[in-house]
N, C-alpha and C. Protein backbone atom coordinates (compact mmCIF):
# COMPACT_ATOMS: atom_id res chain seq x y z
N UNK A 1 1.43 -0.27 10.59
CA UNK A 1 1.35 0.86 9.70
C UNK A 1 1.05 0.34 8.30
N UNK A 2 0.04 0.79 7.66
CA UNK A 2 -0.34 0.29 6.35
C UNK A 2 0.44 1.01 5.25
N UNK A 3 0.66 0.30 4.16
CA UNK A 3 1.35 0.84 3.01
C UNK A 3 0.40 1.75 2.25
N UNK A 4 0.80 3.00 1.95
CA UNK A 4 -0.10 3.89 1.21
C UNK A 4 -0.38 3.36 -0.18
N UNK A 5 -1.59 3.56 -0.64
CA UNK A 5 -1.97 3.13 -1.99
C UNK A 5 -1.23 3.99 -3.01
N UNK A 6 -0.86 3.42 -4.16
CA UNK A 6 -0.24 4.25 -5.20
C UNK A 6 -1.21 5.36 -5.63
N UNK A 7 -0.64 6.44 -6.10
CA UNK A 7 -1.44 7.59 -6.50
C UNK A 7 -2.53 7.25 -7.51
N UNK A 8 -2.22 6.39 -8.50
CA UNK A 8 -3.21 6.04 -9.51
C UNK A 8 -4.44 5.38 -8.87
N UNK A 9 -4.23 4.51 -7.88
CA UNK A 9 -5.36 3.87 -7.18
C UNK A 9 -6.12 4.91 -6.38
N UNK A 10 -5.40 5.80 -5.74
CA UNK A 10 -6.08 6.84 -4.93
C UNK A 10 -6.95 7.72 -5.81
N UNK A 11 -6.43 8.09 -6.98
CA UNK A 11 -7.21 8.90 -7.95
C UNK A 11 -8.45 8.14 -8.38
N UNK A 12 -8.30 6.86 -8.70
CA UNK A 12 -9.45 6.05 -9.14
C UNK A 12 -10.52 5.99 -8.04
N UNK A 13 -10.08 5.82 -6.81
CA UNK A 13 -11.06 5.79 -5.71
C UNK A 13 -11.76 7.14 -5.54
N UNK A 14 -10.99 8.24 -5.66
CA UNK A 14 -11.60 9.56 -5.57
C UNK A 14 -12.62 9.78 -6.68
N UNK A 15 -12.24 9.40 -7.89
CA UNK A 15 -13.15 9.56 -9.04
C UNK A 15 -14.43 8.74 -8.85
N UNK A 16 -14.32 7.61 -8.14
CA UNK A 16 -15.48 6.75 -7.89
C UNK A 16 -16.35 7.31 -6.76
N UNK A 17 -15.94 8.43 -6.16
CA UNK A 17 -16.76 9.03 -5.10
C UNK A 17 -16.44 8.57 -3.69
N UNK A 18 -15.31 7.91 -3.51
CA UNK A 18 -14.89 7.43 -2.19
C UNK A 18 -14.41 8.61 -1.34
N UNK A 19 -15.21 9.02 -0.39
CA UNK A 19 -14.87 10.16 0.45
C UNK A 19 -13.60 9.92 1.27
N UNK A 20 -13.40 8.69 1.73
CA UNK A 20 -12.17 8.36 2.48
C UNK A 20 -10.94 8.55 1.63
N UNK A 21 -11.05 8.25 0.34
CA UNK A 21 -9.92 8.44 -0.56
C UNK A 21 -9.59 9.93 -0.70
N UNK A 22 -10.60 10.76 -0.76
CA UNK A 22 -10.38 12.19 -0.83
C UNK A 22 -9.63 12.69 0.42
N UNK A 23 -10.06 12.22 1.59
CA UNK A 23 -9.38 12.61 2.83
C UNK A 23 -7.93 12.13 2.84
N UNK A 24 -7.74 10.92 2.31
CA UNK A 24 -6.37 10.39 2.23
C UNK A 24 -5.49 11.22 1.28
N UNK A 25 -6.07 11.66 0.18
CA UNK A 25 -5.35 12.52 -0.78
C UNK A 25 -4.94 13.83 -0.09
N UNK A 26 -5.86 14.45 0.58
CA UNK A 26 -5.57 15.73 1.29
C UNK A 26 -4.51 15.49 2.36
N UNK A 27 -4.64 14.40 3.12
CA UNK A 27 -3.65 14.10 4.17
C UNK A 27 -2.27 13.85 3.54
N UNK A 28 -2.24 13.12 2.44
CA UNK A 28 -0.95 12.78 1.81
C UNK A 28 -0.25 14.02 1.25
N UNK A 29 -1.02 14.95 0.65
CA UNK A 29 -0.40 16.08 -0.04
C UNK A 29 -0.58 17.43 0.65
N UNK A 30 -1.25 17.47 1.76
CA UNK A 30 -1.47 18.74 2.46
C UNK A 30 -0.15 19.42 2.86
N UNK A 31 0.75 18.67 3.46
CA UNK A 31 2.03 19.25 3.88
C UNK A 31 2.84 19.73 2.67
N UNK A 32 2.76 18.97 1.61
CA UNK A 32 3.47 19.31 0.37
C UNK A 32 2.99 20.66 -0.18
N UNK A 33 1.69 20.80 -0.26
CA UNK A 33 1.11 22.07 -0.75
C UNK A 33 1.49 23.22 0.19
N UNK A 34 1.38 22.97 1.48
CA UNK A 34 1.73 24.03 2.44
C UNK A 34 3.20 24.39 2.34
N UNK A 35 4.05 23.41 2.17
CA UNK A 35 5.48 23.68 2.07
C UNK A 35 5.85 24.46 0.81
N UNK A 36 5.21 24.17 -0.29
CA UNK A 36 5.45 24.95 -1.51
C UNK A 36 5.05 26.38 -1.29
N UNK A 37 3.87 26.56 -0.69
CA UNK A 37 3.37 27.94 -0.48
C UNK A 37 4.22 28.72 0.50
N UNK A 38 4.66 28.09 1.59
CA UNK A 38 5.39 28.81 2.62
C UNK A 38 6.89 28.86 2.37
N UNK A 39 7.48 27.73 2.04
CA UNK A 39 8.93 27.69 1.84
C UNK A 39 9.33 28.10 0.43
N UNK A 40 8.55 27.67 -0.54
CA UNK A 40 8.88 27.99 -1.91
C UNK A 40 8.55 29.40 -2.32
N UNK A 41 7.36 29.89 -1.84
CA UNK A 41 6.91 31.22 -2.27
C UNK A 41 6.83 32.22 -1.12
N UNK A 42 7.14 31.79 0.10
CA UNK A 42 7.18 32.72 1.23
C UNK A 42 5.83 33.25 1.66
N UNK A 43 4.77 32.56 1.34
CA UNK A 43 3.44 33.03 1.76
C UNK A 43 3.24 32.70 3.24
N UNK A 44 2.54 33.53 3.92
CA UNK A 44 2.33 33.37 5.36
C UNK A 44 0.84 33.50 5.70
N UNK A 45 0.48 33.00 6.86
CA UNK A 45 -0.85 33.18 7.44
C UNK A 45 -1.97 32.93 6.45
N UNK A 46 -2.82 33.93 6.34
CA UNK A 46 -4.01 33.82 5.53
C UNK A 46 -3.73 33.54 4.07
N UNK A 47 -2.62 34.10 3.56
CA UNK A 47 -2.29 33.85 2.13
C UNK A 47 -1.99 32.36 1.91
N UNK A 48 -1.22 31.77 2.82
CA UNK A 48 -0.88 30.35 2.68
C UNK A 48 -2.15 29.49 2.83
N UNK A 49 -3.00 29.85 3.76
CA UNK A 49 -4.26 29.13 3.96
C UNK A 49 -5.16 29.24 2.74
N UNK A 50 -5.23 30.44 2.16
CA UNK A 50 -6.05 30.64 0.99
C UNK A 50 -5.54 29.79 -0.18
N UNK A 51 -4.22 29.73 -0.36
CA UNK A 51 -3.66 28.93 -1.43
C UNK A 51 -3.97 27.46 -1.19
N UNK A 52 -3.83 27.01 0.04
CA UNK A 52 -4.12 25.61 0.40
C UNK A 52 -5.55 25.27 0.00
N UNK A 53 -6.49 26.13 0.41
CA UNK A 53 -7.91 25.89 0.08
C UNK A 53 -8.14 25.91 -1.43
N UNK A 54 -7.57 26.88 -2.09
CA UNK A 54 -7.75 27.00 -3.54
C UNK A 54 -7.18 25.79 -4.29
N UNK A 55 -6.04 25.30 -3.87
CA UNK A 55 -5.40 24.16 -4.54
C UNK A 55 -6.34 22.95 -4.43
N UNK A 56 -6.79 22.64 -3.23
CA UNK A 56 -7.61 21.46 -3.07
C UNK A 56 -9.01 21.61 -3.66
N UNK A 57 -9.49 22.84 -3.73
CA UNK A 57 -10.78 23.05 -4.43
C UNK A 57 -10.59 22.77 -5.93
N UNK A 58 -9.49 23.25 -6.50
CA UNK A 58 -9.23 22.99 -7.93
C UNK A 58 -9.02 21.51 -8.19
N UNK A 59 -8.28 20.86 -7.31
CA UNK A 59 -8.00 19.42 -7.47
C UNK A 59 -9.34 18.67 -7.45
N UNK A 60 -10.18 19.01 -6.47
CA UNK A 60 -11.46 18.33 -6.35
C UNK A 60 -12.32 18.52 -7.61
N UNK A 61 -12.35 19.75 -8.09
CA UNK A 61 -13.19 20.07 -9.25
C UNK A 61 -12.64 19.45 -10.54
N UNK A 62 -11.34 19.31 -10.65
CA UNK A 62 -10.72 18.92 -11.93
C UNK A 62 -10.05 17.55 -11.91
N UNK A 63 -10.29 16.77 -10.87
CA UNK A 63 -9.59 15.47 -10.79
C UNK A 63 -9.96 14.57 -11.97
N UNK A 64 -11.16 14.69 -12.47
CA UNK A 64 -11.58 13.87 -13.60
C UNK A 64 -10.80 14.21 -14.88
N UNK A 65 -10.19 15.40 -14.95
CA UNK A 65 -9.44 15.79 -16.15
C UNK A 65 -7.97 15.34 -16.12
N UNK A 66 -7.52 14.81 -15.00
CA UNK A 66 -6.14 14.37 -14.90
C UNK A 66 -5.91 13.18 -15.82
N UNK A 67 -5.05 13.38 -16.83
CA UNK A 67 -4.81 12.34 -17.87
C UNK A 67 -3.99 11.16 -17.35
N UNK A 68 -2.99 11.48 -16.50
CA UNK A 68 -2.09 10.43 -16.01
C UNK A 68 -2.21 10.40 -14.48
N UNK A 69 -3.05 9.53 -13.95
CA UNK A 69 -3.26 9.49 -12.50
C UNK A 69 -1.97 9.22 -11.70
N UNK A 70 -0.99 8.57 -12.30
CA UNK A 70 0.25 8.34 -11.57
C UNK A 70 1.13 9.61 -11.49
N UNK A 71 0.70 10.68 -12.17
CA UNK A 71 1.40 11.96 -12.11
C UNK A 71 0.71 12.93 -11.17
N UNK A 72 -0.03 12.41 -10.21
CA UNK A 72 -0.79 13.23 -9.27
C UNK A 72 0.07 14.26 -8.55
N UNK A 73 1.20 13.82 -8.02
CA UNK A 73 2.05 14.73 -7.26
C UNK A 73 2.52 15.92 -8.12
N UNK A 74 2.97 15.63 -9.33
CA UNK A 74 3.41 16.72 -10.21
C UNK A 74 2.29 17.66 -10.54
N UNK A 75 1.10 17.12 -10.72
CA UNK A 75 -0.08 17.96 -11.03
C UNK A 75 -0.43 18.83 -9.84
N UNK A 76 -0.40 18.27 -8.64
CA UNK A 76 -0.68 19.05 -7.43
C UNK A 76 0.39 20.11 -7.26
N UNK A 77 1.66 19.77 -7.49
CA UNK A 77 2.73 20.76 -7.36
C UNK A 77 2.55 21.91 -8.33
N UNK A 78 2.24 21.61 -9.58
CA UNK A 78 2.01 22.65 -10.59
C UNK A 78 0.81 23.51 -10.24
N UNK A 79 -0.26 22.91 -9.79
CA UNK A 79 -1.44 23.65 -9.39
C UNK A 79 -1.10 24.56 -8.22
N UNK A 80 -0.34 24.07 -7.29
CA UNK A 80 0.06 24.89 -6.12
C UNK A 80 0.89 26.07 -6.57
N UNK A 81 1.84 25.85 -7.43
CA UNK A 81 2.69 26.95 -7.94
C UNK A 81 1.84 28.03 -8.62
N UNK A 82 0.89 27.60 -9.44
CA UNK A 82 0.04 28.55 -10.13
C UNK A 82 -0.83 29.36 -9.12
N UNK A 83 -1.33 28.65 -8.11
CA UNK A 83 -2.16 29.36 -7.10
C UNK A 83 -1.30 30.36 -6.31
N UNK A 84 -0.07 29.98 -6.01
CA UNK A 84 0.82 30.90 -5.28
C UNK A 84 1.12 32.14 -6.10
N UNK A 85 1.42 31.95 -7.35
CA UNK A 85 1.70 33.08 -8.25
C UNK A 85 0.47 33.97 -8.35
N UNK A 86 -0.70 33.36 -8.51
CA UNK A 86 -1.94 34.15 -8.57
C UNK A 86 -2.12 34.96 -7.29
N UNK A 87 -1.87 34.34 -6.16
CA UNK A 87 -2.04 35.00 -4.87
C UNK A 87 -1.07 36.18 -4.73
N UNK A 88 0.16 35.97 -5.12
CA UNK A 88 1.18 37.03 -5.01
C UNK A 88 0.82 38.20 -5.93
N UNK A 89 0.41 37.90 -7.14
CA UNK A 89 0.06 38.97 -8.08
C UNK A 89 -1.20 39.72 -7.65
N UNK A 90 -2.09 39.06 -6.93
CA UNK A 90 -3.33 39.69 -6.49
C UNK A 90 -3.10 40.71 -5.38
N UNK A 91 -1.97 40.61 -4.72
CA UNK A 91 -1.67 41.59 -3.64
C UNK A 91 -1.22 42.89 -4.26
N UNK A 92 -2.12 43.76 -4.48
CA UNK A 92 -1.82 45.04 -5.14
C UNK A 92 -1.05 46.01 -4.26
N UNK A 93 -1.06 45.77 -2.94
CA UNK A 93 -0.38 46.69 -2.03
C UNK A 93 1.10 46.37 -1.85
N UNK A 94 1.58 45.33 -2.54
CA UNK A 94 2.99 44.96 -2.40
C UNK A 94 3.69 45.10 -3.73
N UNK A 95 4.94 45.46 -3.70
CA UNK A 95 5.76 45.55 -4.89
C UNK A 95 6.61 44.30 -4.98
N UNK A 96 6.55 43.62 -6.11
CA UNK A 96 7.35 42.42 -6.29
C UNK A 96 8.79 42.78 -6.66
N UNK A 97 9.73 42.16 -5.96
CA UNK A 97 11.14 42.38 -6.26
C UNK A 97 11.62 41.49 -7.40
N UNK A 98 10.91 40.38 -7.61
CA UNK A 98 11.21 39.45 -8.69
C UNK A 98 9.91 38.78 -9.09
N UNK A 99 9.92 38.22 -10.27
CA UNK A 99 8.75 37.50 -10.70
C UNK A 99 8.54 36.30 -9.76
N UNK A 100 7.32 36.02 -9.35
CA UNK A 100 7.09 34.95 -8.39
C UNK A 100 7.45 33.57 -8.92
N UNK A 101 7.45 33.38 -10.22
CA UNK A 101 7.76 32.06 -10.75
C UNK A 101 9.29 31.82 -10.81
N UNK A 102 10.07 32.70 -10.22
CA UNK A 102 11.51 32.53 -10.15
C UNK A 102 11.95 31.75 -8.92
N UNK A 103 11.03 30.98 -8.32
CA UNK A 103 11.40 30.16 -7.14
C UNK A 103 12.42 29.14 -7.61
N UNK A 104 13.53 29.02 -6.86
CA UNK A 104 14.56 28.07 -7.27
C UNK A 104 14.03 26.65 -7.44
N UNK A 105 14.42 26.02 -8.52
CA UNK A 105 14.02 24.63 -8.74
C UNK A 105 14.53 23.72 -7.64
N UNK A 106 15.68 24.09 -7.05
CA UNK A 106 16.25 23.28 -5.97
C UNK A 106 15.28 23.22 -4.77
N UNK A 107 14.64 24.36 -4.49
CA UNK A 107 13.71 24.39 -3.36
C UNK A 107 12.55 23.44 -3.58
N UNK A 108 11.99 23.45 -4.77
CA UNK A 108 10.88 22.55 -5.06
C UNK A 108 11.38 21.10 -5.11
N UNK A 109 12.57 20.90 -5.59
CA UNK A 109 13.16 19.54 -5.60
C UNK A 109 13.33 19.00 -4.19
N UNK A 110 13.77 19.86 -3.26
CA UNK A 110 13.92 19.41 -1.90
C UNK A 110 12.58 19.07 -1.28
N UNK A 111 11.55 19.79 -1.64
CA UNK A 111 10.21 19.47 -1.12
C UNK A 111 9.74 18.13 -1.68
N UNK A 112 10.01 17.88 -2.94
CA UNK A 112 9.66 16.57 -3.53
C UNK A 112 10.42 15.44 -2.84
N UNK A 113 11.72 15.67 -2.58
CA UNK A 113 12.50 14.68 -1.90
C UNK A 113 11.97 14.40 -0.48
N UNK A 114 11.58 15.47 0.23
CA UNK A 114 11.04 15.32 1.56
C UNK A 114 9.76 14.49 1.53
N UNK A 115 8.95 14.70 0.52
CA UNK A 115 7.71 13.93 0.42
C UNK A 115 8.03 12.47 0.14
N UNK A 116 9.04 12.20 -0.71
CA UNK A 116 9.46 10.83 -0.96
C UNK A 116 9.90 10.14 0.33
N UNK A 117 10.68 10.85 1.15
CA UNK A 117 11.17 10.27 2.40
C UNK A 117 9.98 10.03 3.34
N UNK A 118 9.06 10.97 3.42
CA UNK A 118 7.89 10.78 4.29
C UNK A 118 7.10 9.56 3.86
N UNK A 119 6.91 9.37 2.55
CA UNK A 119 6.19 8.22 2.04
C UNK A 119 6.91 6.91 2.37
N UNK A 120 8.24 6.94 2.25
CA UNK A 120 9.02 5.76 2.57
C UNK A 120 8.98 5.44 4.07
N UNK A 121 9.04 6.47 4.90
CA UNK A 121 8.94 6.27 6.35
C UNK A 121 7.60 5.60 6.71
N UNK A 122 6.55 5.96 6.02
CA UNK A 122 5.23 5.40 6.28
C UNK A 122 5.18 3.92 5.94
N UNK A 123 6.10 3.44 5.10
CA UNK A 123 6.13 2.02 4.73
C UNK A 123 7.05 1.20 5.63
N UNK A 124 7.80 1.86 6.51
CA UNK A 124 8.62 1.14 7.49
C UNK A 124 7.78 0.67 8.63
N UNK A 125 8.34 -0.20 9.45
CA UNK A 125 7.63 -0.61 10.67
C UNK A 125 7.46 0.60 11.58
N UNK A 126 6.43 0.63 12.40
CA UNK A 126 6.23 1.76 13.32
C UNK A 126 7.47 2.04 14.17
N UNK A 127 8.16 0.98 14.59
CA UNK A 127 9.34 1.14 15.45
C UNK A 127 10.45 1.88 14.70
N UNK A 128 10.71 1.45 13.46
CA UNK A 128 11.76 2.13 12.65
C UNK A 128 11.34 3.58 12.35
N UNK A 129 10.12 3.76 11.96
CA UNK A 129 9.66 5.12 11.63
C UNK A 129 9.80 6.02 12.84
N UNK A 130 9.45 5.53 14.03
CA UNK A 130 9.58 6.36 15.23
C UNK A 130 11.02 6.71 15.57
N UNK A 131 11.89 5.74 15.51
CA UNK A 131 13.29 5.99 15.84
C UNK A 131 13.92 6.98 14.82
N UNK A 132 13.66 6.79 13.53
CA UNK A 132 14.22 7.72 12.56
C UNK A 132 13.62 9.13 12.69
N UNK A 133 12.32 9.17 12.98
CA UNK A 133 11.67 10.48 13.17
C UNK A 133 12.26 11.20 14.39
N UNK A 134 12.42 10.48 15.46
CA UNK A 134 12.98 11.10 16.68
C UNK A 134 14.43 11.57 16.47
N UNK A 135 15.21 10.79 15.77
CA UNK A 135 16.62 11.16 15.58
C UNK A 135 16.80 12.25 14.55
N UNK A 136 16.19 12.12 13.37
CA UNK A 136 16.42 13.04 12.28
C UNK A 136 15.50 14.23 12.26
N UNK A 137 14.23 14.04 12.59
CA UNK A 137 13.27 15.15 12.51
C UNK A 137 13.18 15.94 13.80
N UNK A 138 13.17 15.23 14.92
CA UNK A 138 13.06 15.89 16.22
C UNK A 138 14.41 16.23 16.83
N UNK A 139 15.47 15.72 16.18
CA UNK A 139 16.85 15.99 16.63
C UNK A 139 17.10 15.54 18.06
N UNK A 140 16.55 14.37 18.44
CA UNK A 140 16.76 13.84 19.76
C UNK A 140 18.05 13.04 19.80
N UNK A 141 18.72 13.05 20.92
CA UNK A 141 19.96 12.29 21.10
C UNK A 141 19.66 10.80 21.29
N UNK A 142 20.71 9.98 21.17
CA UNK A 142 20.56 8.55 21.42
C UNK A 142 20.00 8.34 22.82
N UNK A 143 20.57 9.10 23.77
CA UNK A 143 20.15 8.95 25.17
C UNK A 143 18.68 9.29 25.34
N UNK A 144 18.24 10.41 24.75
CA UNK A 144 16.84 10.83 24.88
C UNK A 144 15.90 9.79 24.26
N UNK A 145 16.28 9.28 23.13
CA UNK A 145 15.45 8.26 22.46
C UNK A 145 15.43 7.01 23.31
N UNK A 146 16.59 6.62 23.79
CA UNK A 146 16.69 5.42 24.63
C UNK A 146 15.87 5.56 25.91
N UNK A 147 15.94 6.71 26.55
CA UNK A 147 15.16 6.94 27.76
C UNK A 147 13.65 6.82 27.44
N UNK A 148 13.24 7.38 26.35
CA UNK A 148 11.82 7.38 25.98
C UNK A 148 11.34 5.95 25.62
N UNK A 149 12.22 5.18 24.99
CA UNK A 149 11.84 3.83 24.55
C UNK A 149 12.30 2.72 25.50
N UNK A 150 13.02 3.11 26.56
CA UNK A 150 13.51 2.13 27.51
C UNK A 150 14.60 1.23 26.96
N UNK A 151 15.49 1.80 26.17
CA UNK A 151 16.57 1.03 25.53
C UNK A 151 17.89 1.73 25.77
N UNK A 152 19.01 0.98 25.81
CA UNK A 152 20.32 1.60 25.93
C UNK A 152 20.67 2.43 24.67
N UNK A 153 21.48 3.48 24.85
CA UNK A 153 21.87 4.36 23.73
C UNK A 153 22.55 3.57 22.60
N UNK A 154 23.37 2.58 22.95
CA UNK A 154 24.01 1.76 21.93
C UNK A 154 23.03 1.00 21.07
N UNK A 155 21.98 0.57 21.68
CA UNK A 155 20.92 -0.16 20.92
C UNK A 155 20.24 0.82 19.96
N UNK A 156 20.04 2.05 20.42
CA UNK A 156 19.41 3.05 19.57
C UNK A 156 20.28 3.28 18.32
N UNK A 157 21.61 3.40 18.54
CA UNK A 157 22.53 3.63 17.41
C UNK A 157 22.44 2.49 16.40
N UNK A 158 22.42 1.25 16.86
CA UNK A 158 22.35 0.14 15.92
C UNK A 158 21.01 0.05 15.24
N UNK A 159 19.94 0.40 15.94
CA UNK A 159 18.60 0.38 15.32
C UNK A 159 18.47 1.49 14.26
N UNK A 160 19.05 2.64 14.54
CA UNK A 160 19.04 3.71 13.54
C UNK A 160 19.73 3.24 12.26
N UNK A 161 20.89 2.60 12.45
CA UNK A 161 21.65 2.11 11.31
C UNK A 161 20.84 1.07 10.53
N UNK A 162 20.22 0.15 11.22
CA UNK A 162 19.42 -0.91 10.60
C UNK A 162 18.20 -0.32 9.90
N UNK A 163 17.54 0.64 10.52
CA UNK A 163 16.35 1.25 9.91
C UNK A 163 16.72 2.08 8.70
N UNK A 164 17.87 2.75 8.74
CA UNK A 164 18.34 3.48 7.56
C UNK A 164 18.61 2.52 6.41
N UNK A 165 19.12 1.34 6.72
CA UNK A 165 19.32 0.32 5.69
C UNK A 165 18.01 -0.08 5.03
N UNK A 166 16.97 -0.25 5.85
CA UNK A 166 15.65 -0.58 5.31
C UNK A 166 15.12 0.57 4.44
N UNK A 167 15.34 1.79 4.92
CA UNK A 167 14.90 2.96 4.12
C UNK A 167 15.61 3.01 2.79
N UNK A 168 16.90 2.74 2.78
CA UNK A 168 17.68 2.70 1.53
C UNK A 168 17.11 1.64 0.56
N UNK A 169 16.75 0.48 1.12
CA UNK A 169 16.19 -0.59 0.30
C UNK A 169 14.87 -0.15 -0.35
N UNK A 170 14.06 0.56 0.41
CA UNK A 170 12.79 1.06 -0.15
C UNK A 170 13.04 1.99 -1.32
N UNK A 171 14.02 2.89 -1.18
CA UNK A 171 14.33 3.80 -2.27
C UNK A 171 14.91 3.05 -3.47
N UNK A 172 15.75 2.06 -3.21
CA UNK A 172 16.35 1.28 -4.31
C UNK A 172 15.28 0.48 -5.03
N UNK A 173 14.33 -0.10 -4.27
CA UNK A 173 13.24 -0.88 -4.87
C UNK A 173 12.31 -0.02 -5.71
N UNK A 174 12.13 1.25 -5.26
CA UNK A 174 11.22 2.15 -5.93
C UNK A 174 11.69 2.61 -7.27
N UNK A 175 13.00 2.68 -7.45
CA UNK A 175 13.58 3.25 -8.64
C UNK A 175 14.34 2.23 -9.42
N UNK A 176 13.98 2.02 -10.69
CA UNK A 176 14.68 1.03 -11.49
C UNK A 176 16.18 1.34 -11.64
N UNK A 177 16.52 2.61 -11.61
CA UNK A 177 17.93 2.96 -11.77
C UNK A 177 18.56 3.38 -10.46
N UNK A 178 17.83 3.19 -9.35
CA UNK A 178 18.39 3.56 -8.05
C UNK A 178 18.58 5.05 -7.94
N UNK A 179 17.63 5.85 -8.45
CA UNK A 179 17.80 7.29 -8.49
C UNK A 179 17.91 7.94 -7.12
N UNK A 180 17.28 7.37 -6.13
CA UNK A 180 17.32 7.93 -4.79
C UNK A 180 18.40 7.21 -3.98
N UNK A 181 19.14 7.97 -3.26
CA UNK A 181 20.17 7.39 -2.43
C UNK A 181 20.12 8.06 -1.07
N UNK A 182 19.87 7.27 -0.03
CA UNK A 182 19.86 7.84 1.33
C UNK A 182 21.26 7.54 1.87
N UNK A 183 22.06 8.57 2.04
CA UNK A 183 23.47 8.37 2.40
C UNK A 183 23.81 9.02 3.72
N UNK A 184 22.93 8.96 4.66
CA UNK A 184 23.21 9.54 5.97
C UNK A 184 24.03 8.55 6.77
N UNK A 185 25.05 9.05 7.43
CA UNK A 185 25.82 8.18 8.30
C UNK A 185 25.43 8.44 9.74
N UNK A 186 25.48 7.41 10.54
CA UNK A 186 25.13 7.52 11.95
C UNK A 186 26.42 7.47 12.75
N UNK A 187 26.64 8.49 13.56
CA UNK A 187 27.87 8.47 14.34
C UNK A 187 27.59 8.09 15.78
């Protein structure tokens, strides 16, 4: 599994016309945009799809104007929020109960944290990423994971613990002040 390029490098490649870099950008941030639209703003179906398309159209058109390439995620998040608000306001057949920009900051913070975890998982070995994904994301038991991978349940428990340690190290290395803390315990 290859380590994803930093956002600033990805932006530079996109600006240079690298089509693969553009696809990588959409792959990296597509779930993030979709999550903000659906979980943050409650958009469904066609509305969520329209926001997704609008966000990436704007990003593509305006990428050259991004002043700080390392702030790509924040820029995409802000663009997504604006597109969601525009979409909600454009629905003239619905009555808003609250202003659409009143989405709780905690919701958007959780989405940012989820993206950080996903990026960190991509930097782990494929074996660690798979075990952590099966246990935490797919909610599989030690036994189910062990059966699938041909390992005893006890081995799965120790590997989960070891892989979580590696994940913690990635977060500690990423932040000069150790701002991220993965504190999940394995029972």
